[in-house]
Amino acid sequence: MFWKILGAVVLVWLALLLVGALIKALFPILMITLVVFGLYTLYKLVSGGNKTPTKL
């Protein structure tokens, strides 16, 4: 029973390590994407964008 609990703890620890590494690696890409999307949205807002009303 002890080994099952220890194995589960080790697996959870490894999973958290992997998720943390992925977040750390992908965080700059996420920030760049958010900045580009924000600039694009701001450009569309200022330039008028699509002035035709959308149909529901």
N, C-alpha and C. Protein backbone atom coordinates (compact mmCIF):
# COMPACT_ATOMS: atom_id res chain seq x y z
N MET A 1 0.83 -1.20 0.00
CA MET A 1 0.00 0.00 0.00
C MET A 1 0.87 1.26 0.00
N PHE A 2 1.97 1.21 0.73
CA PHE A 2 2.88 2.34 0.80
C PHE A 2 3.42 2.69 -0.59
N TRP A 3 3.77 1.66 -1.37
CA TRP A 3 4.36 1.90 -2.69
C TRP A 3 3.35 2.49 -3.67
N LYS A 4 2.09 2.12 -3.52
CA LYS A 4 1.05 2.69 -4.37
C LYS A 4 0.89 4.18 -4.09
N ILE A 5 0.88 4.54 -2.83
CA ILE A 5 0.75 5.95 -2.43
C ILE A 5 1.97 6.73 -2.89
N LEU A 6 3.15 6.17 -2.68
CA LEU A 6 4.38 6.83 -3.10
C LEU A 6 4.41 6.98 -4.62
N GLY A 7 3.98 5.97 -5.35
CA GLY A 7 3.93 6.05 -6.80
C GLY A 7 2.97 7.13 -7.28
N ALA A 8 1.80 7.23 -6.63
CA ALA A 8 0.83 8.26 -7.00
C ALA A 8 1.38 9.65 -6.73
N VAL A 9 2.06 9.81 -5.60
CA VAL A 9 2.65 11.11 -5.26
C VAL A 9 3.73 11.48 -6.28
N VAL A 10 4.55 10.51 -6.66
CA VAL A 10 5.61 10.78 -7.64
C VAL A 10 5.01 11.12 -9.00
N LEU A 11 3.95 10.43 -9.40
CA LEU A 11 3.31 10.72 -10.68
C LEU A 11 2.69 12.12 -10.69
N VAL A 12 2.04 12.49 -9.61
CA VAL A 12 1.45 13.84 -9.52
C VAL A 12 2.55 14.89 -9.55
N TRP A 13 3.64 14.64 -8.85
CA TRP A 13 4.76 15.57 -8.81
C TRP A 13 5.37 15.74 -10.20
N LEU A 14 5.55 14.64 -10.94
CA LEU A 14 6.09 14.71 -12.29
C LEU A 14 5.14 15.44 -13.24
N ALA A 15 3.84 15.19 -13.08
CA ALA A 15 2.86 15.87 -13.93
C ALA A 15 2.89 17.38 -13.69
N LEU A 16 2.97 17.79 -12.43
CA LEU A 16 3.04 19.22 -12.12
C LEU A 16 4.33 19.83 -12.64
N LEU A 17 5.42 19.09 -12.57
CA LEU A 17 6.68 19.56 -13.11
C LEU A 17 6.58 19.78 -14.62
N LEU A 18 5.95 18.85 -15.31
CA LEU A 18 5.80 18.94 -16.76
C LEU A 18 4.90 20.12 -17.14
N VAL A 19 3.78 20.27 -16.44
CA VAL A 19 2.87 21.38 -16.72
C VAL A 19 3.56 22.71 -16.44
N GLY A 20 4.30 22.80 -15.37
CA GLY A 20 5.03 24.02 -15.05
C GLY A 20 6.06 24.37 -16.11
N ALA A 21 6.76 23.38 -16.61
CA ALA A 21 7.75 23.62 -17.66
C ALA A 21 7.08 24.08 -18.95
N LEU A 22 5.94 23.48 -19.29
CA LEU A 22 5.23 23.89 -20.50
C LEU A 22 4.72 25.32 -20.38
N ILE A 23 4.17 25.67 -19.23
CA ILE A 23 3.67 27.04 -19.03
C ILE A 23 4.82 28.03 -19.10
N LYS A 24 5.94 27.68 -18.50
CA LYS A 24 7.09 28.57 -18.52
C LYS A 24 7.61 28.76 -19.95
N ALA A 25 7.57 27.71 -20.75
CA ALA A 25 8.07 27.79 -22.12
C ALA A 25 7.10 28.53 -23.03
N LEU A 26 5.80 28.37 -22.82
CA LEU A 26 4.80 28.95 -23.71
C LEU A 26 4.33 30.34 -23.29
N PHE A 27 4.70 30.79 -22.11
CA PHE A 27 4.24 32.09 -21.61
C PHE A 27 4.64 33.25 -22.51
N PRO A 28 5.90 33.33 -22.99
CA PRO A 28 6.25 34.45 -23.88
C PRO A 28 5.46 34.44 -25.18
N ILE A 29 5.21 33.26 -25.74
CA ILE A 29 4.42 33.17 -26.96
C ILE A 29 3.00 33.66 -26.71
N LEU A 30 2.43 33.29 -25.56
CA LEU A 30 1.09 33.73 -25.20
C LEU A 30 1.04 35.25 -25.07
N MET A 31 2.03 35.85 -24.44
CA MET A 31 2.04 37.30 -24.26
C MET A 31 2.16 38.03 -25.60
N ILE A 32 3.03 37.53 -26.48
CA ILE A 32 3.18 38.14 -27.79
C ILE A 32 1.87 38.05 -28.56
N THR A 33 1.21 36.90 -28.48
CA THR A 33 -0.06 36.71 -29.17
C THR A 33 -1.11 37.68 -28.64
N LEU A 34 -1.18 37.85 -27.32
CA LEU A 34 -2.15 38.78 -26.75
C LEU A 34 -1.89 40.22 -27.17
N VAL A 35 -0.62 40.63 -27.23
CA VAL A 35 -0.28 41.99 -27.65
C VAL A 35 -0.66 42.20 -29.11
N VAL A 36 -0.34 41.23 -29.97
CA VAL A 36 -0.68 41.37 -31.39
C VAL A 36 -2.19 41.41 -31.57
N PHE A 37 -2.92 40.55 -30.87
CA PHE A 37 -4.38 40.56 -30.97
C PHE A 37 -4.95 41.89 -30.48
N GLY A 38 -4.41 42.42 -29.39
CA GLY A 38 -4.86 43.71 -28.87
C GLY A 38 -4.60 44.84 -29.85
N LEU A 39 -3.44 44.84 -30.48
CA LEU A 39 -3.13 45.87 -31.47
C LEU A 39 -4.05 45.75 -32.69
N TYR A 40 -4.30 44.54 -33.13
CA TYR A 40 -5.20 44.31 -34.26
C TYR A 40 -6.61 44.79 -33.94
N THR A 41 -7.09 44.46 -32.74
CA THR A 41 -8.42 44.89 -32.32
C THR A 41 -8.50 46.41 -32.22
N LEU A 42 -7.48 47.03 -31.68
CA LEU A 42 -7.44 48.48 -31.59
C LEU A 42 -7.43 49.11 -32.97
N TYR A 43 -6.67 48.55 -33.89
CA TYR A 43 -6.64 49.06 -35.27
C TYR A 43 -8.02 48.96 -35.91
N LYS A 44 -8.69 47.83 -35.75
CA LYS A 44 -10.02 47.66 -36.32
C LYS A 44 -11.01 48.64 -35.70
N LEU A 45 -10.89 48.87 -34.40
CA LEU A 45 -11.79 49.79 -33.72
C LEU A 45 -11.59 51.22 -34.21
N VAL A 46 -10.35 51.64 -34.40
CA VAL A 46 -10.05 53.00 -34.81
C VAL A 46 -10.38 53.20 -36.29
N SER A 47 -10.09 52.21 -37.12
CA SER A 47 -10.29 52.38 -38.56
C SER A 47 -11.74 52.18 -38.98
N GLY A 48 -12.59 51.74 -38.11
CA GLY A 48 -13.99 51.55 -38.45
C GLY A 48 -14.34 50.10 -38.69
N GLY A 49 -13.39 49.33 -39.15
CA GLY A 49 -13.61 47.90 -39.34
C GLY A 49 -14.71 47.61 -40.33
N ASN A 50 -15.50 46.63 -40.04
CA ASN A 50 -16.61 46.22 -40.88
C ASN A 50 -17.85 46.98 -40.45
N LYS A 51 -18.35 47.88 -41.29
CA LYS A 51 -19.47 48.73 -40.90
C LYS A 51 -20.83 48.12 -41.22
N THR A 52 -20.86 46.95 -41.86
CA THR A 52 -22.13 46.32 -42.16
C THR A 52 -22.65 45.61 -40.94
N PRO A 53 -23.95 45.75 -40.64
CA PRO A 53 -24.48 45.06 -39.46
C PRO A 53 -24.51 43.54 -39.67
N THR A 54 -24.32 42.83 -38.62
CA THR A 54 -24.34 41.37 -38.71
C THR A 54 -25.77 40.88 -38.54
N LYS A 55 -26.09 39.81 -39.24
CA LYS A 55 -27.42 39.21 -39.12
C LYS A 55 -27.35 38.07 -38.12
N LEU A 56 -28.34 37.97 -37.26
CA LEU A 56 -28.38 36.91 -36.27
C LEU A 56 -29.03 35.67 -36.83
